Amino acid sequence: MQQQLDWDDLHTLIAVARAGSLAGAATALGTHRSTVLRRIDRLEARLAMRVFDRTPQGLALTAAGERVAARAERMADEVGEILQSADADHGRPVGNIRLAVTFNLGFGLIPKIIDRFRSAYPEITVEVIGTLDGYSTFHPDQFDIALRTLDGDVADHAQMVGRRLGKLPLAVYGSKSYFAGRPVPRSPKGLRHHKLLLGCGALANLAGLRWFEGSLKPDTVVYRASSMLLLLAAVREGLGLACLPCYLCDSDTKIVRAFDVPKEHCADLWVLRHAHSRDNARLRVFADFLATELRQYLLTPPPKT
């Protein structure tokens, strides 16, 4: 038996099985009845078996023909999926990307960026994995790309490679309700008579919050929280003033920006991946898109290399 089968013959087998007649199959295929019969005869010769019984009512699949037709149907489905994917893709990157970010970035920046990314690359799905801080470690199997806000350098992420985009600005904020009847401070010197909100735990170690706390008198602190989002919630409720990322607050109509934190106390934003992780088109496209989109939120541009 010849091992090579013609796809046209299998396609014809499917058409005849569905139509139940040579004429019906010929109409479905847009060809002649004689061509359909010739392809069926050729298929049976190559398989060395009959796939149809000829009856007065038309053609009926034999038991062997039913098995061949079922497999041919599966092949047709797979070919259809390949063609559909190729038609939708046109060579563009496709697949899933796992992005590791802090909850702050995931809440304040990432959704709007992913929305724009998905408009440009609808074939790529982004899975966001949140962490409490930018120093949390990940196994390389858990993510493809990470956004990290780091003080100083990336010594704690030496196993990773990437690029520094710049510094994310911080400022001191209070709610409009809090400032009703109170002056808005324009420097640390103006904080003397205000209620102040600070970080605790790992958050208290961030350079910007250390600078903020170093500017205060101890008796002015009324609240501490372990995350920027908790501090943001307290500020919005009018509890007092806090040092917060500008990307979390500047679009909030209930919050007033009092004064900026000096840039040397702001954290660097990095796009990172594990050094041994696989590089591919969708990751390169996504990393470049992130870098372009995020630079509008940065205090300083990345250094020239």
C-alpha atoms as a PDB file:
ATOM      1  CA  MET A   1       0.000   0.000   0.000  1.00  0.00           C
ATOM      2  CA  GLN A   2       1.278   3.454  -0.827  1.00  0.00           C
ATOM      3  CA  GLN A   3       1.938   5.515   2.286  1.00  0.00           C
ATOM      4  CA  GLN A   4       1.345   8.958   0.750  1.00  0.00           C
ATOM      5  CA  LEU A   5      -2.250  10.165   0.731  1.00  0.00           C
ATOM      6  CA  ASP A   6      -3.514  13.168  -1.170  1.00  0.00           C
ATOM      7  CA  TRP A   7      -5.327  15.704   1.035  1.00  0.00           C
ATOM      8  CA  ASP A   8      -7.742  16.402  -1.817  1.00  0.00           C
ATOM      9  CA  ASP A   9      -8.782  12.740  -1.729  1.00  0.00           C
ATOM     10  CA  LEU A  10      -9.411  12.881   2.032  1.00  0.00           C
ATOM     11  CA  HIS A  11     -11.290  16.167   1.633  1.00  0.00           C
ATOM     12  CA  THR A  12     -13.432  14.493  -1.021  1.00  0.00           C
ATOM     13  CA  LEU A  13     -14.070  11.553   1.321  1.00  0.00           C
ATOM     14  CA  ILE A  14     -15.419  13.975   3.941  1.00  0.00           C
ATOM     15  CA  ALA A  15     -17.620  15.736   1.387  1.00  0.00           C
ATOM     16  CA  VAL A  16     -19.124  12.480   0.106  1.00  0.00           C
ATOM     17  CA  ALA A  17     -19.708  11.194   3.632  1.00  0.00           C
ATOM     18  CA  ARG A  18     -21.550  14.386   4.505  1.00  0.00           C
ATOM     19  CA  ALA A  19     -23.572  14.595   1.278  1.00  0.00           C
ATOM     20  CA  GLY A  20     -24.241  10.883   0.845  1.00  0.00           C
ATOM     21  CA  SER A  21     -23.893  11.109  -2.930  1.00  0.00           C
ATOM     22  CA  LEU A  22     -21.368  11.925  -5.611  1.00  0.00           C
ATOM     23  CA  ALA A  23     -23.550  14.704  -6.985  1.00  0.00           C
ATOM     24  CA  GLY A  24     -24.001  16.321  -3.571  1.00  0.00           C
ATOM     25  CA  ALA A  25     -20.281  16.161  -2.872  1.00  0.00           C
ATOM     26  CA  ALA A  26     -19.478  17.621  -6.295  1.00  0.00           C
ATOM     27  CA  THR A  27     -21.791  20.561  -5.599  1.00  0.00           C
ATOM     28  CA  ALA A  28     -20.224  21.154  -2.179  1.00  0.00           C
ATOM     29  CA  LEU A  29     -16.708  20.998  -3.605  1.00  0.00           C
ATOM     30  CA  GLY A  30     -17.498  23.028  -6.697  1.00  0.00           C
ATOM     31  CA  THR A  31     -16.253  20.307  -9.033  1.00  0.00           C
ATOM     32  CA  HIS A  32     -17.606  17.598 -11.335  1.00  0.00           C
ATOM     33  CA  ARG A  33     -19.166  14.271 -10.316  1.00  0.00           C
ATOM     34  CA  SER A  34     -16.550  12.407 -12.307  1.00  0.00           C
ATOM     35  CA  THR A  35     -13.759  14.147 -10.422  1.00  0.00           C
ATOM     36  CA  VAL A  36     -15.293  13.130  -7.091  1.00  0.00           C
ATOM     37  CA  LEU A  37     -15.581   9.511  -8.237  1.00  0.00           C
ATOM     38  CA  ARG A  38     -12.003   9.495  -9.498  1.00  0.00           C
ATOM     39  CA  ARG A  39     -10.671  10.780  -6.167  1.00  0.00           C
ATOM     40  CA  ILE A  40     -12.660   8.187  -4.212  1.00  0.00           C
ATOM     41  CA  ASP A  41     -11.390   5.404  -6.463  1.00  0.00           C
ATOM     42  CA  ARG A  42      -7.813   6.670  -6.037  1.00  0.00           C
ATOM     43  CA  LEU A  43      -8.160   6.845  -2.245  1.00  0.00           C
ATOM     44  CA  GLU A  44      -9.519   3.303  -2.048  1.00  0.00           C
ATOM     45  CA  ALA A  45      -6.676   2.085  -4.244  1.00  0.00           C
ATOM     46  CA  ARG A  46      -4.055   3.712  -2.012  1.00  0.00           C
ATOM     47  CA  LEU A  47      -5.679   2.391   1.157  1.00  0.00           C
ATOM     48  CA  ALA A  48      -6.285  -1.025  -0.421  1.00  0.00           C
ATOM     49  CA  MET A  49      -9.787  -1.070   1.051  1.00  0.00           C
ATOM     50  CA  ARG A  50     -13.270   0.037   0.207  1.00  0.00           C
ATOM     51  CA  VAL A  51     -14.422   3.142   2.067  1.00  0.00           C
ATOM     52  CA  PHE A  52     -17.872   3.322   0.430  1.00  0.00           C
ATOM     53  CA  ASP A  53     -20.520   0.807  -0.499  1.00  0.00           C
ATOM     54  CA  ARG A  54     -22.341   1.728  -3.712  1.00  0.00           C
ATOM     55  CA  THR A  55     -26.088   1.355  -3.143  1.00  0.00           C
ATOM     56  CA  PRO A  56     -29.174   2.368  -5.151  1.00  0.00           C
ATOM     57  CA  GLN A  57     -29.740   5.097  -2.568  1.00  0.00           C
ATOM     58  CA  GLY A  58     -26.211   6.484  -2.960  1.00  0.00           C
ATOM     59  CA  LEU A  59     -22.908   5.933  -1.214  1.00  0.00           C
ATOM     60  CA  ALA A  60     -22.655   4.588   2.340  1.00  0.00           C
ATOM     61  CA  LEU A  61     -19.494   4.436   4.411  1.00  0.00           C
ATOM     62  CA  THR A  62     -18.121   1.009   5.183  1.00  0.00           C
ATOM     63  CA  ALA A  63     -16.896   0.261   8.708  1.00  0.00           C
ATOM     64  CA  ALA A  64     -13.338   0.963   7.560  1.00  0.00           C
ATOM     65  CA  GLY A  65     -14.542   4.083   5.783  1.00  0.00           C
ATOM     66  CA  GLU A  66     -16.132   5.385   8.972  1.00  0.00           C
ATOM     67  CA  ARG A  67     -12.811   5.085  10.794  1.00  0.00           C
ATOM     68  CA  VAL A  68     -10.927   6.834   7.991  1.00  0.00           C
ATOM     69  CA  ALA A  69     -13.574   9.563   7.712  1.00  0.00           C
ATOM     70  CA  ALA A  70     -13.479  10.242  11.445  1.00  0.00           C
ATOM     71  CA  ARG A  71      -9.711  10.737  11.338  1.00  0.00           C
ATOM     72  CA  ALA A  72      -9.982  12.858   8.207  1.00  0.00           C
ATOM     73  CA  GLU A  73     -12.559  15.062   9.994  1.00  0.00           C
ATOM     74  CA  ARG A  74     -10.094  15.626  12.843  1.00  0.00           C
ATOM     75  CA  MET A  75      -7.388  16.498  10.341  1.00  0.00           C
ATOM     76  CA  ALA A  76      -9.737  18.951   8.628  1.00  0.00           C
ATOM     77  CA  ASP A  77     -10.492  20.616  11.963  1.00  0.00           C
ATOM     78  CA  GLU A  78      -6.783  21.017  12.709  1.00  0.00           C
ATOM     79  CA  VAL A  79      -6.076  22.402   9.242  1.00  0.00           C
ATOM     80  CA  GLY A  80      -8.929  24.860   9.720  1.00  0.00           C
ATOM     81  CA  GLU A  81      -7.472  26.010  13.042  1.00  0.00           C
ATOM     82  CA  ILE A  82      -4.051  26.487  11.462  1.00  0.00           C
ATOM     83  CA  LEU A  83      -5.497  28.565   8.646  1.00  0.00           C
ATOM     84  CA  GLN A  84      -7.636  30.596  11.041  1.00  0.00           C
ATOM     85  CA  SER A  85      -4.645  31.267  13.280  1.00  0.00           C
ATOM     86  CA  ALA A  86      -2.476  32.248  10.328  1.00  0.00           C
ATOM     87  CA  ASP A  87      -5.197  34.550   9.016  1.00  0.00           C
ATOM     88  CA  ALA A  88      -5.560  36.276  12.389  1.00  0.00           C
ATOM     89  CA  ASP A  89      -1.847  36.336  13.091  1.00  0.00           C
ATOM     90  CA  HIS A  90      -0.232  37.526   9.841  1.00  0.00           C
ATOM     91  CA  GLY A  91       3.143  36.938  11.486  1.00  0.00           C
ATOM     92  CA  ARG A  92       2.344  38.943  14.625  1.00  0.00           C
ATOM     93  CA  PRO A  93       3.375  37.686  18.095  1.00  0.00           C
ATOM     94  CA  VAL A  94       0.755  35.658  19.944  1.00  0.00           C
ATOM     95  CA  GLY A  95       0.439  33.881  23.298  1.00  0.00           C
ATOM     96  CA  ASN A  96       0.412  34.623  27.019  1.00  0.00           C
ATOM     97  CA  ILE A  97       2.716  36.864  29.089  1.00  0.00           C
ATOM     98  CA  ARG A  98       3.036  36.662  32.870  1.00  0.00           C
ATOM     99  CA  LEU A  99       3.842  40.079  34.324  1.00  0.00           C
ATOM    100  CA  ALA A 100       4.994  40.394  37.951  1.00  0.00           C
ATOM    101  CA  VAL A 101       4.285  43.801  39.516  1.00  0.00           C
ATOM    102  CA  THR A 102       3.768  45.354  42.923  1.00  0.00           C
ATOM    103  CA  PHE A 103       0.166  45.861  43.949  1.00  0.00           C
ATOM    104  CA  ASN A 104       0.726  49.627  43.686  1.00  0.00           C
ATOM    105  CA  LEU A 105       1.749  49.414  40.037  1.00  0.00           C
ATOM    106  CA  GLY A 106      -0.921  46.818  39.357  1.00  0.00           C
ATOM    107  CA  PHE A 107      -3.558  49.146  40.783  1.00  0.00           C
ATOM    108  CA  GLY A 108      -2.375  52.535  39.570  1.00  0.00           C
ATOM    109  CA  LEU A 109      -0.656  52.041  36.214  1.00  0.00           C
ATOM    110  CA  ILE A 110      -0.850  48.598  34.679  1.00  0.00           C
ATOM    111  CA  PRO A 111      -4.562  48.294  33.739  1.00  0.00           C
ATOM    112  CA  LYS A 112      -4.567  51.367  31.496  1.00  0.00           C
ATOM    113  CA  ILE A 113      -1.282  50.296  29.863  1.00  0.00           C
ATOM    114  CA  ILE A 114      -2.496  46.754  29.257  1.00  0.00           C
ATOM    115  CA  ASP A 115      -5.685  48.150  27.758  1.00  0.00           C
ATOM    116  CA  ARG A 116      -3.651  50.108  25.219  1.00  0.00           C
ATOM    117  CA  PHE A 117      -1.342  47.138  24.627  1.00  0.00           C
ATOM    118  CA  ARG A 118      -4.271  44.816  23.970  1.00  0.00           C
ATOM    119  CA  SER A 119      -5.668  47.308  21.459  1.00  0.00           C
ATOM    120  CA  ALA A 120      -2.365  47.123  19.568  1.00  0.00           C
ATOM    121  CA  TYR A 121      -1.762  43.371  20.096  1.00  0.00           C
ATOM    122  CA  PRO A 122      -5.106  41.616  20.668  1.00  0.00           C
ATOM    123  CA  GLU A 123      -3.474  38.226  20.072  1.00  0.00           C
ATOM    124  CA  ILE A 124      -1.455  38.501  23.311  1.00  0.00           C
ATOM    125  CA  THR A 125      -2.982  37.902  26.756  1.00  0.00           C
ATOM    126  CA  VAL A 126      -1.343  39.411  29.856  1.00  0.00           C
ATOM    127  CA  GLU A 127      -1.505  37.649  33.228  1.00  0.00           C
ATOM    128  CA  VAL A 128      -0.655  39.983  36.149  1.00  0.00           C
ATOM    129  CA  ILE A 129       0.970  38.565  39.293  1.00  0.00           C
ATOM    130  CA  GLY A 130       0.955  40.959  42.265  1.00  0.00           C
ATOM    131  CA  THR A 131       3.507  41.271  45.098  1.00  0.00           C
ATOM    132  CA  LEU A 132       3.567  43.476  48.181  1.00  0.00           C
ATOM    133  CA  ASP A 133       6.915  45.067  47.345  1.00  0.00           C
ATOM    134  CA  GLY A 134       9.512  45.290  44.622  1.00  0.00           C
ATOM    135  CA  TYR A 135      12.026  43.093  46.384  1.00  0.00           C
ATOM    136  CA  SER A 136       9.970  39.904  46.502  1.00  0.00           C
ATOM    137  CA  THR A 137      11.733  37.073  44.685  1.00  0.00           C
ATOM    138  CA  PHE A 138      10.168  34.882  42.036  1.00  0.00           C
ATOM    139  CA  HIS A 139      11.069  31.542  40.574  1.00  0.00           C
ATOM    140  CA  PRO A 140      11.697  32.008  36.831  1.00  0.00           C
ATOM    141  CA  ASP A 141       8.806  29.646  36.058  1.00  0.00           C
ATOM    142  CA  GLN A 142       6.377  32.049  37.764  1.00  0.00           C
ATOM    143  CA  PHE A 143       6.759  35.063  35.469  1.00  0.00           C
ATOM    144  CA  ASP A 144       8.125  36.271  32.140  1.00  0.00           C
ATOM    145  CA  ILE A 145       8.665  39.986  32.850  1.00  0.00           C
ATOM    146  CA  ALA A 146       8.777  41.905  36.136  1.00  0.00           C
ATOM    147  CA  LEU A 147       8.307  45.601  36.890  1.00  0.00           C
ATOM    148  CA  ARG A 148      10.313  46.567  39.947  1.00  0.00           C
ATOM    149  CA  THR A 149      10.706  49.809  41.899  1.00  0.00           C
ATOM    150  CA  LEU A 150      14.142  49.604  43.509  1.00  0.00           C
ATOM    151  CA  ASP A 151      16.207  51.957  45.616  1.00  0.00           C
ATOM    152  CA  GLY A 152      19.794  52.338  44.453  1.00  0.00           C
ATOM    153  CA  ASP A 153      20.704  49.378  42.245  1.00  0.00           C
ATOM    154  CA  VAL A 154      19.458  45.904  41.459  1.00  0.00           C
ATOM    155  CA  ALA A 155      21.830  44.011  43.737  1.00  0.00           C
ATOM    156  CA  ASP A 156      18.910  42.012  45.157  1.00  0.00           C
ATOM    157  CA  HIS A 157      17.978  40.993  41.602  1.00  0.00           C
ATOM    158  CA  ALA A 158      21.431  40.057  40.353  1.00  0.00           C
ATOM    159  CA  GLN A 159      20.037  36.952  38.662  1.00  0.00           C
ATOM    160  CA  MET A 160      17.884  39.163  36.447  1.00  0.00           C
ATOM    161  CA  VAL A 161      18.593  41.348  33.434  1.00  0.00           C
ATOM    162  CA  GLY A 162      16.745  44.352  32.098  1.00  0.00           C
ATOM    163  CA  ARG A 163      16.788  48.110  31.888  1.00  0.00           C
ATOM    164  CA  ARG A 164      16.227  51.067  34.173  1.00  0.00           C
ATOM    165  CA  LEU A 165      13.538  53.345  32.835  1.00  0.00           C
ATOM    166  CA  GLY A 166      13.954  56.220  35.285  1.00  0.00           C
ATOM    167  CA  LYS A 167      12.646  57.330  38.668  1.00  0.00           C
ATOM    168  CA  LEU A 168       8.999  57.213  39.670  1.00  0.00           C
ATOM    169  CA  PRO A 169       8.116  60.541  41.305  1.00  0.00           C
ATOM    170  CA  LEU A 170       6.774  60.780  44.852  1.00  0.00           C
ATOM    171  CA  ALA A 171       4.945  63.667  46.486  1.00  0.00           C
ATOM    172  CA  VAL A 172       3.153  64.531  49.711  1.00  0.00           C
ATOM    173  CA  TYR A 173      -0.631  64.426  49.406  1.00  0.00           C
ATOM    174  CA  GLY A 174      -3.727  65.214  51.422  1.00  0.00           C
ATOM    175  CA  SER A 175      -7.422  65.142  50.627  1.00  0.00           C
ATOM    176  CA  LYS A 176      -9.494  68.203  49.756  1.00  0.00           C
ATOM    177  CA  SER A 177     -11.635  67.514  52.813  1.00  0.00           C
ATOM    178  CA  TYR A 178      -8.533  67.452  55.024  1.00  0.00           C
ATOM    179  CA  PHE A 179      -7.300  70.798  53.650  1.00  0.00           C
ATOM    180  CA  ALA A 180     -10.642  72.491  54.222  1.00  0.00           C
ATOM    181  CA  GLY A 181      -9.678  75.243  56.683  1.00  0.00           C
ATOM    182  CA  ARG A 182      -5.983  74.172  56.684  1.00  0.00           C
ATOM    183  CA  PRO A 183      -3.097  75.608  54.639  1.00  0.00           C
ATOM    184  CA  VAL A 184      -1.496  73.354  52.010  1.00  0.00           C
ATOM    185  CA  PRO A 185       2.187  72.890  52.945  1.00  0.00           C
ATOM    186  CA  ARG A 186       4.655  73.569  50.162  1.00  0.00           C
ATOM    187  CA  SER A 187       7.762  72.135  51.856  1.00  0.00           C
ATOM    188  CA  PRO A 188       8.628  69.939  54.857  1.00  0.00           C
ATOM    189  CA  LYS A 189       8.787  73.071  57.009  1.00  0.00           C
ATOM    190  CA  GLY A 190       5.044  73.494  56.581  1.00  0.00           C
ATOM    191  CA  LEU A 191       4.227  70.083  58.088  1.00  0.00           C
ATOM    192  CA  ARG A 192       4.472  71.187  61.724  1.00  0.00           C
ATOM    193  CA  HIS A 193       0.744  71.498  62.430  1.00  0.00           C
ATOM    194  CA  HIS A 194      -0.481  68.656  60.222  1.00  0.00           C
ATOM    195  CA  LYS A 195      -1.495  65.067  60.915  1.00  0.00           C
ATOM    196  CA  LEU A 196       0.947  62.729  59.220  1.00  0.00           C
ATOM    197  CA  LEU A 197       0.701  59.172  57.937  1.00  0.00           C
ATOM    198  CA  LEU A 198       3.764  56.925  57.630  1.00  0.00           C
ATOM    199  CA  GLY A 199       4.743  53.465  56.484  1.00  0.00           C
ATOM    200  CA  CYS A 200       5.552  50.485  58.659  1.00  0.00           C
ATOM    201  CA  GLY A 201       7.281  47.182  58.010  1.00  0.00           C
ATOM    202  CA  ALA A 202       9.114  46.945  54.695  1.00  0.00           C
ATOM    203  CA  LEU A 203       7.373  50.076  53.418  1.00  0.00           C
ATOM    204  CA  ALA A 204       9.092  52.195  56.060  1.00  0.00           C
ATOM    205  CA  ASN A 205      12.481  51.271  54.545  1.00  0.00           C
ATOM    206  CA  LEU A 206      11.800  52.951  51.202  1.00  0.00           C
ATOM    207  CA  ALA A 207      14.075  55.942  50.677  1.00  0.00           C
ATOM    208  CA  GLY A 208      11.216  58.354  49.994  1.00  0.00           C
ATOM    209  CA  LEU A 209       9.329  57.419  53.143  1.00  0.00           C
ATOM    210  CA  ARG A 210      12.519  57.520  55.227  1.00  0.00           C
ATOM    211  CA  TRP A 211      13.114  61.044  53.944  1.00  0.00           C
ATOM    212  CA  PHE A 212       9.530  62.009  54.766  1.00  0.00           C
ATOM    213  CA  GLU A 213       9.726  60.591  58.287  1.00  0.00           C
ATOM    214  CA  GLY A 214      13.079  62.273  58.868  1.00  0.00           C
ATOM    215  CA  SER A 215      11.410  65.631  58.188  1.00  0.00           C
ATOM    216  CA  LEU A 216       8.843  65.210  60.982  1.00  0.00           C
ATOM    217  CA  LYS A 217       8.483  65.530  64.703  1.00  0.00           C
ATOM    218  CA  PRO A 218       7.501  62.206  66.304  1.00  0.00           C
ATOM    219  CA  ASP A 219       4.375  63.593  67.958  1.00  0.00           C
ATOM    220  CA  THR A 220       2.803  64.537  64.632  1.00  0.00           C
ATOM    221  CA  VAL A 221       2.404  60.928  63.396  1.00  0.00           C
ATOM    222  CA  VAL A 222      -1.169  59.632  63.734  1.00  0.00           C
ATOM    223  CA  TYR A 223      -1.220  56.538  61.501  1.00  0.00           C
ATOM    224  CA  ARG A 224       1.056  53.905  59.965  1.00  0.00           C
ATOM    225  CA  ALA A 225       0.354  51.350  57.230  1.00  0.00           C
ATOM    226  CA  SER A 226       2.285  48.558  55.517  1.00  0.00           C
ATOM    227  CA  SER A 227       1.388  49.426  51.900  1.00  0.00           C
ATOM    228  CA  MET A 228       0.986  52.453  49.670  1.00  0.00           C
ATOM    229  CA  LEU A 229      -2.588  51.470  48.900  1.00  0.00           C
ATOM    230  CA  LEU A 230      -3.472  51.502  52.606  1.00  0.00           C
ATOM    231  CA  LEU A 231      -1.857  54.931  52.963  1.00  0.00           C
ATOM    232  CA  LEU A 232      -3.782  56.124  49.914  1.00  0.00           C
ATOM    233  CA  ALA A 233      -7.057  54.954  51.430  1.00  0.00           C
ATOM    234  CA  ALA A 234      -6.265  56.818  54.666  1.00  0.00           C
ATOM    235  CA  VAL A 235      -5.381  60.000  52.785  1.00  0.00           C
ATOM    236  CA  ARG A 236      -8.610  59.866  50.793  1.00  0.00           C
ATOM    237  CA  GLU A 237     -10.585  59.584  54.045  1.00  0.00           C
ATOM    238  CA  GLY A 238      -8.941  62.748  55.376  1.00  0.00           C
ATOM    239  CA  LEU A 239      -6.785  61.165  58.115  1.00  0.00           C
ATOM    240  CA  GLY A 240      -3.765  63.282  57.213  1.00  0.00           C
ATOM    241  CA  LEU A 241      -0.828  63.699  54.828  1.00  0.00           C
ATOM    242  CA  ALA A 242       1.308  60.915  53.338  1.00  0.00           C
ATOM    243  CA  CYS A 243       4.155  60.423  50.908  1.00  0.00           C
ATOM    244  CA  LEU A 244       2.739  58.562  47.880  1.00  0.00           C
ATOM    245  CA  PRO A 245       3.577  57.744  44.238  1.00  0.00           C
ATOM    246  CA  CYS A 246       2.311  60.428  41.883  1.00  0.00           C
ATOM    247  CA  TYR A 247       0.853  57.853  39.495  1.00  0.00           C
ATOM    248  CA  LEU A 248      -1.519  56.749  42.269  1.00  0.00           C
ATOM    249  CA  CYS A 249      -2.729  60.213  43.178  1.00  0.00           C
ATOM    250  CA  ASP A 250      -2.492  62.832  40.456  1.00  0.00           C
ATOM    251  CA  SER A 251      -5.635  61.664  38.658  1.00  0.00           C
ATOM    252  CA  ASP A 252      -7.650  61.478  41.898  1.00  0.00           C
ATOM    253  CA  THR A 253      -9.905  64.519  42.097  1.00  0.00           C
ATOM    254  CA  LYS A 254     -10.295  64.121  45.883  1.00  0.00           C
ATOM    255  CA  ILE A 255      -6.570  64.536  46.564  1.00  0.00           C
ATOM    256  CA  VAL A 256      -4.283  67.585  46.554  1.00  0.00           C
ATOM    257  CA  ARG A 257      -0.558  67.432  45.732  1.00  0.00           C
ATOM    258  CA  ALA A 258       1.244  69.492  48.390  1.00  0.00           C
ATOM    259  CA  PHE A 259       4.941  69.265  47.456  1.00  0.00           C
ATOM    260  CA  ASP A 260       7.337  66.882  45.711  1.00  0.00           C
ATOM    261  CA  VAL A 261       9.883  64.530  47.230  1.00  0.00           C
ATOM    262  CA  PRO A 262      13.452  65.278  46.013  1.00  0.00           C
ATOM    263  CA  LYS A 263      14.283  63.010  43.082  1.00  0.00           C
ATOM    264  CA  GLU A 264      17.282  61.468  44.832  1.00  0.00           C
ATOM    265  CA  HIS A 265      14.856  59.861  47.281  1.00  0.00           C
ATOM    266  CA  CYS A 266      12.618  58.375  44.583  1.00  0.00           C
ATOM    267  CA  ALA A 267      12.930  54.739  43.533  1.00  0.00           C
ATOM    268  CA  ASP A 268      14.117  53.540  40.143  1.00  0.00           C
ATOM    269  CA  LEU A 269      11.680  51.676  37.905  1.00  0.00           C
ATOM    270  CA  TRP A 270      13.106  48.604  36.154  1.00  0.00           C
ATOM    271  CA  VAL A 271      11.793  46.189  33.533  1.00  0.00           C
ATOM    272  CA  LEU A 272      13.422  42.841  34.352  1.00  0.00           C
ATOM    273  CA  ARG A 273      13.452  39.196  33.385  1.00  0.00           C
ATOM    274  CA  HIS A 274      15.545  36.214  34.472  1.00  0.00           C
ATOM    275  CA  ALA A 275      18.832  35.992  32.619  1.00  0.00           C
ATOM    276  CA  HIS A 276      18.157  32.426  31.468  1.00  0.00           C
ATOM    277  CA  SER A 277      14.483  32.931  30.523  1.00  0.00           C
ATOM    278  CA  ARG A 278      13.572  32.390  26.894  1.00  0.00           C
ATOM    279  CA  ASP A 279      13.508  35.495  24.725  1.00  0.00           C
ATOM    280  CA  ASN A 280      10.763  35.637  22.109  1.00  0.00           C
ATOM    281  CA  ALA A 281       8.860  38.094  19.960  1.00  0.00           C
ATOM    282  CA  ARG A 282       5.925  38.684  22.295  1.00  0.00           C
ATOM    283  CA  LEU A 283       8.194  39.426  25.280  1.00  0.00           C
ATOM    284  CA  ARG A 284      10.284  41.870  23.273  1.00  0.00           C
ATOM    285  CA  VAL A 285       7.172  43.615  21.974  1.00  0.00           C
ATOM    286  CA  PHE A 286       5.654  43.835  25.449  1.00  0.00           C
ATOM    287  CA  ALA A 287       8.859  45.046  27.136  1.00  0.00           C
ATOM    288  CA  ASP A 288       9.301  47.777  24.513  1.00  0.00           C
ATOM    289  CA  PHE A 289       5.655  48.798  24.850  1.00  0.00           C
ATOM    290  CA  LEU A 290       5.962  48.987  28.656  1.00  0.00           C
ATOM    291  CA  ALA A 291       9.085  51.133  28.410  1.00  0.00           C
ATOM    292  CA  THR A 292       7.454  53.569  25.992  1.00  0.00           C
ATOM    293  CA  GLU A 293       4.226  53.858  27.973  1.00  0.00           C
ATOM    294  CA  LEU A 294       5.833  54.146  31.400  1.00  0.00           C
ATOM    295  CA  ARG A 295       8.271  56.919  30.541  1.00  0.00           C
ATOM    296  CA  GLN A 296       5.479  59.484  30.701  1.00  0.00           C
ATOM    297  CA  TYR A 297       5.226  58.769  34.434  1.00  0.00           C
ATOM    298  CA  LEU A 298       8.967  59.025  35.142  1.00  0.00           C
ATOM    299  CA  LEU A 299      10.878  61.817  36.814  1.00  0.00           C
ATOM    300  CA  THR A 300      14.154  61.334  34.921  1.00  0.00           C
ATOM    301  CA  PRO A 301      15.051  59.555  31.676  1.00  0.00           C
ATOM    302  CA  PRO A 302      17.240  56.444  31.739  1.00  0.00           C
ATOM    303  CA  PRO A 303      20.992  56.984  31.464  1.00  0.00           C
ATOM    304  CA  LYS A 304      22.611  56.695  28.050  1.00  0.00           C
ATOM    305  CA  THR A 305      24.562  53.502  27.480  1.00  0.00           C
END
